[in-house]
Amino acid sequence: MMTDPLADMMTRIRNAVRVERQFVEMPLSKVKRGVAEVLKREGYIWDWNEVEGEPAPQLRIELKYGPNGERVIQRIRRVSKPGRRIYSKAKDMRPVLNGMGITIVSTSSGVVSDREARQKNLGGEVLCEVY
């Protein structure tokens, strides 16, 4: 039984990037779809789509690498965990690595990056950091 599907998603992405896979698949959920959309908008992945699978639909993420094969996602880390939820107001969110990375936040308006959350003045649960 899996207690934290988002941590599983990030582990799958981290492992696939390490062995330079072209894509990674995982069970689909609304939050995972939102995280994948933020990663696409911010330029960390090429694309994502839903694939029919057994016993449930799958989320397929096409991973992105640089022209010489360097990793675009250097690190992806879960911040808020089931045992300890982390929430942040828009004014308290600071840029990751001076703007070189992003924080993904679950807000009342959906899953967004820290830049979008500050722009819309939205706070919420801090899901993960990517750089």
C-alpha atoms as a PDB file:
ATOM      1  CA  MET A   1       0.000   0.000   0.000  1.00  0.00           C
ATOM      2  CA  MET A   2       1.352   3.400  -1.039  1.00  0.00           C
ATOM      3  CA  THR A   3       0.868   6.193   1.518  1.00  0.00           C
ATOM      4  CA  ASP A   4       2.321   9.089  -0.492  1.00  0.00           C
ATOM      5  CA  PRO A   5       1.621   8.994  -4.257  1.00  0.00           C
ATOM      6  CA  LEU A   6       3.427  12.308  -4.886  1.00  0.00           C
ATOM      7  CA  ALA A   7       6.625  11.052  -3.269  1.00  0.00           C
ATOM      8  CA  ASP A   8       6.318   7.959  -5.483  1.00  0.00           C
ATOM      9  CA  MET A   9       5.948  10.223  -8.551  1.00  0.00           C
ATOM     10  CA  MET A  10       9.066  12.189  -7.658  1.00  0.00           C
ATOM     11  CA  THR A  11      11.056   9.026  -6.962  1.00  0.00           C
ATOM     12  CA  ARG A  12      10.060   7.612 -10.360  1.00  0.00           C
ATOM     13  CA  ILE A  13      11.122  10.850 -12.095  1.00  0.00           C
ATOM     14  CA  ARG A  14      14.406  10.983 -10.134  1.00  0.00           C
ATOM     15  CA  ASN A  15      15.243   7.361 -10.987  1.00  0.00           C
ATOM     16  CA  ALA A  16      14.308   7.746 -14.680  1.00  0.00           C
ATOM     17  CA  VAL A  17      16.461  10.874 -15.025  1.00  0.00           C
ATOM     18  CA  ARG A  18      19.441   9.097 -13.454  1.00  0.00           C
ATOM     19  CA  VAL A  19      19.331   6.289 -16.040  1.00  0.00           C
ATOM     20  CA  GLU A  20      18.459   8.780 -18.845  1.00  0.00           C
ATOM     21  CA  ARG A  21      15.084   7.316 -19.815  1.00  0.00           C
ATOM     22  CA  GLN A  22      13.050   9.130 -22.481  1.00  0.00           C
ATOM     23  CA  PHE A  23       9.810   8.868 -20.520  1.00  0.00           C
ATOM     24  CA  VAL A  24       8.403   7.598 -17.226  1.00  0.00           C
ATOM     25  CA  GLU A  25       4.926   6.224 -16.439  1.00  0.00           C
ATOM     26  CA  MET A  26       2.966   6.232 -13.190  1.00  0.00           C
ATOM     27  CA  PRO A  27      -0.657   5.913 -12.022  1.00  0.00           C
ATOM     28  CA  LEU A  28      -2.730   9.007 -12.871  1.00  0.00           C
ATOM     29  CA  SER A  29      -4.324  11.428 -10.388  1.00  0.00           C
ATOM     30  CA  LYS A  30      -5.482  15.044 -10.561  1.00  0.00           C
ATOM     31  CA  VAL A  31      -2.622  16.331  -8.394  1.00  0.00           C
ATOM     32  CA  LYS A  32       0.001  14.442 -10.427  1.00  0.00           C
ATOM     33  CA  ARG A  33      -1.547  15.869 -13.611  1.00  0.00           C
ATOM     34  CA  GLY A  34      -1.244  19.359 -12.083  1.00  0.00           C
ATOM     35  CA  VAL A  35       2.402  18.810 -11.094  1.00  0.00           C
ATOM     36  CA  ALA A  36       3.192  17.535 -14.609  1.00  0.00           C
ATOM     37  CA  GLU A  37       1.528  20.609 -16.154  1.00  0.00           C
ATOM     38  CA  VAL A  38       3.606  22.946 -13.952  1.00  0.00           C
ATOM     39  CA  LEU A  39       6.810  21.065 -14.890  1.00  0.00           C
ATOM     40  CA  LYS A  40       5.895  21.480 -18.578  1.00  0.00           C
ATOM     41  CA  ARG A  41       5.066  25.205 -18.255  1.00  0.00           C
ATOM     42  CA  GLU A  42       8.346  25.845 -16.439  1.00  0.00           C
ATOM     43  CA  GLY A  43      10.402  23.904 -19.024  1.00  0.00           C
ATOM     44  CA  TYR A  44      11.532  20.909 -16.951  1.00  0.00           C
ATOM     45  CA  ILE A  45       9.844  18.278 -19.157  1.00  0.00           C
ATOM     46  CA  TRP A  46       8.894  18.110 -22.839  1.00  0.00           C
ATOM     47  CA  ASP A  47       5.297  16.988 -22.433  1.00  0.00           C
ATOM     48  CA  TRP A  48       2.916  14.706 -20.561  1.00  0.00           C
ATOM     49  CA  ASN A  49      -0.122  12.706 -21.602  1.00  0.00           C
ATOM     50  CA  GLU A  50      -2.596  10.174 -20.304  1.00  0.00           C
ATOM     51  CA  VAL A  51      -2.191   6.565 -21.462  1.00  0.00           C
ATOM     52  CA  GLU A  52      -4.733   3.781 -21.061  1.00  0.00           C
ATOM     53  CA  GLY A  53      -3.337   1.110 -18.813  1.00  0.00           C
ATOM     54  CA  GLU A  54      -4.314  -1.767 -16.607  1.00  0.00           C
ATOM     55  CA  PRO A  55      -5.796  -1.580 -14.022  1.00  0.00           C
ATOM     56  CA  ALA A  56      -6.010   2.251 -14.215  1.00  0.00           C
ATOM     57  CA  PRO A  57      -4.973   5.082 -16.575  1.00  0.00           C
ATOM     58  CA  GLN A  58      -1.285   6.045 -16.507  1.00  0.00           C
ATOM     59  CA  LEU A  59       0.462   9.414 -16.659  1.00  0.00           C
ATOM     60  CA  ARG A  60       3.376   9.391 -19.125  1.00  0.00           C
ATOM     61  CA  ILE A  61       5.977  12.150 -18.728  1.00  0.00           C
ATOM     62  CA  GLU A  62       8.500  12.807 -21.513  1.00  0.00           C
ATOM     63  CA  LEU A  63      11.717  13.810 -19.781  1.00  0.00           C
ATOM     64  CA  LYS A  64      13.922  16.624 -21.066  1.00  0.00           C
ATOM     65  CA  TYR A  65      17.696  16.645 -21.441  1.00  0.00           C
ATOM     66  CA  GLY A  66      20.120  19.297 -22.685  1.00  0.00           C
ATOM     67  CA  PRO A  67      21.898  19.238 -26.077  1.00  0.00           C
ATOM     68  CA  ASN A  68      24.831  17.276 -24.635  1.00  0.00           C
ATOM     69  CA  GLY A  69      22.658  14.954 -22.562  1.00  0.00           C
ATOM     70  CA  GLU A  70      22.821  16.985 -19.336  1.00  0.00           C
ATOM     71  CA  ARG A  71      19.901  16.631 -16.954  1.00  0.00           C
ATOM     72  CA  VAL A  72      17.333  19.442 -16.852  1.00  0.00           C
ATOM     73  CA  ILE A  73      15.937  18.152 -13.539  1.00  0.00           C
ATOM     74  CA  GLN A  74      18.967  18.076 -11.248  1.00  0.00           C
ATOM     75  CA  ARG A  75      16.978  17.556  -8.070  1.00  0.00           C
ATOM     76  CA  ILE A  76      13.313  17.049  -7.193  1.00  0.00           C
ATOM     77  CA  ARG A  77      12.450  16.982  -3.494  1.00  0.00           C
ATOM     78  CA  ARG A  78       9.179  16.498  -1.609  1.00  0.00           C
ATOM     79  CA  VAL A  79       8.638  19.264   0.965  1.00  0.00           C
ATOM     80  CA  SER A  80       5.213  18.668   2.516  1.00  0.00           C
ATOM     81  CA  LYS A  81       4.822  15.072   3.659  1.00  0.00           C
ATOM     82  CA  PRO A  82       1.843  13.118   5.024  1.00  0.00           C
ATOM     83  CA  GLY A  83       3.286  13.249   8.547  1.00  0.00           C
ATOM     84  CA  ARG A  84       4.147  16.944   8.377  1.00  0.00           C
ATOM     85  CA  ARG A  85       2.272  19.267   6.049  1.00  0.00           C
ATOM     86  CA  ILE A  86       4.026  22.514   5.122  1.00  0.00           C
ATOM     87  CA  TYR A  87       1.939  25.554   4.158  1.00  0.00           C
ATOM     88  CA  SER A  88       3.143  28.944   2.986  1.00  0.00           C
ATOM     89  CA  LYS A  89       1.639  32.345   2.306  1.00  0.00           C
ATOM     90  CA  ALA A  90       2.402  34.049  -1.010  1.00  0.00           C
ATOM     91  CA  LYS A  91       4.547  36.738   0.624  1.00  0.00           C
ATOM     92  CA  ASP A  92       6.601  34.106   2.501  1.00  0.00           C
ATOM     93  CA  MET A  93       7.579  32.127  -0.628  1.00  0.00           C
ATOM     94  CA  ARG A  94      11.195  32.705  -1.597  1.00  0.00           C
ATOM     95  CA  PRO A  95      12.777  31.842  -4.955  1.00  0.00           C
ATOM     96  CA  VAL A  96      14.660  28.530  -5.086  1.00  0.00           C
ATOM     97  CA  LEU A  97      18.370  29.005  -5.956  1.00  0.00           C
ATOM     98  CA  ASN A  98      17.772  32.708  -6.671  1.00  0.00           C
ATOM     99  CA  GLY A  99      15.148  31.902  -9.308  1.00  0.00           C
ATOM    100  CA  MET A 100      16.995  29.002 -10.956  1.00  0.00           C
ATOM    101  CA  GLY A 101      14.522  26.491  -9.495  1.00  0.00           C
ATOM    102  CA  ILE A 102      10.830  26.368  -8.653  1.00  0.00           C
ATOM    103  CA  THR A 103       8.568  25.400  -5.797  1.00  0.00           C
ATOM    104  CA  ILE A 104       5.315  23.662  -6.742  1.00  0.00           C
ATOM    105  CA  VAL A 105       2.360  24.710  -4.583  1.00  0.00           C
ATOM    106  CA  SER A 106      -1.162  23.316  -4.277  1.00  0.00           C
ATOM    107  CA  THR A 107      -3.523  26.297  -3.969  1.00  0.00           C
ATOM    108  CA  SER A 108      -7.268  26.867  -4.035  1.00  0.00           C
ATOM    109  CA  SER A 109      -6.846  27.660  -7.756  1.00  0.00           C
ATOM    110  CA  GLY A 110      -5.028  24.404  -8.522  1.00  0.00           C
ATOM    111  CA  VAL A 111      -1.386  23.363  -8.640  1.00  0.00           C
ATOM    112  CA  VAL A 112       0.920  26.263  -9.599  1.00  0.00           C
ATOM    113  CA  SER A 113       4.582  27.269  -9.387  1.00  0.00           C
ATOM    114  CA  ASP A 114       5.834  29.685  -6.728  1.00  0.00           C
ATOM    115  CA  ARG A 115       6.118  32.463  -9.335  1.00  0.00           C
ATOM    116  CA  GLU A 116       2.459  32.108 -10.303  1.00  0.00           C
ATOM    117  CA  ALA A 117       1.410  31.883  -6.637  1.00  0.00           C
ATOM    118  CA  ARG A 118       3.236  35.122  -5.785  1.00  0.00           C
ATOM    119  CA  GLN A 119       1.807  36.816  -8.871  1.00  0.00           C
ATOM    120  CA  LYS A 120      -1.777  35.768  -7.993  1.00  0.00           C
ATOM    121  CA  ASN A 121      -1.165  36.318  -4.252  1.00  0.00           C
ATOM    122  CA  LEU A 122      -2.095  32.705  -3.419  1.00  0.00           C
ATOM    123  CA  GLY A 123      -0.777  30.600  -0.580  1.00  0.00           C
ATOM    124  CA  GLY A 124      -1.123  26.876  -0.092  1.00  0.00           C
ATOM    125  CA  GLU A 125       0.573  23.561   0.571  1.00  0.00           C
ATOM    126  CA  VAL A 126       4.188  23.423  -0.612  1.00  0.00           C
ATOM    127  CA  LEU A 127       4.394  20.132  -2.538  1.00  0.00           C
ATOM    128  CA  CYS A 128       7.971  20.028  -3.829  1.00  0.00           C
ATOM    129  CA  GLU A 129      11.072  21.872  -5.018  1.00  0.00           C
ATOM    130  CA  VAL A 130      12.628  21.321  -8.441  1.00  0.00           C
ATOM    131  CA  TYR A 131      15.984  22.517  -9.782  1.00  0.00           C
END
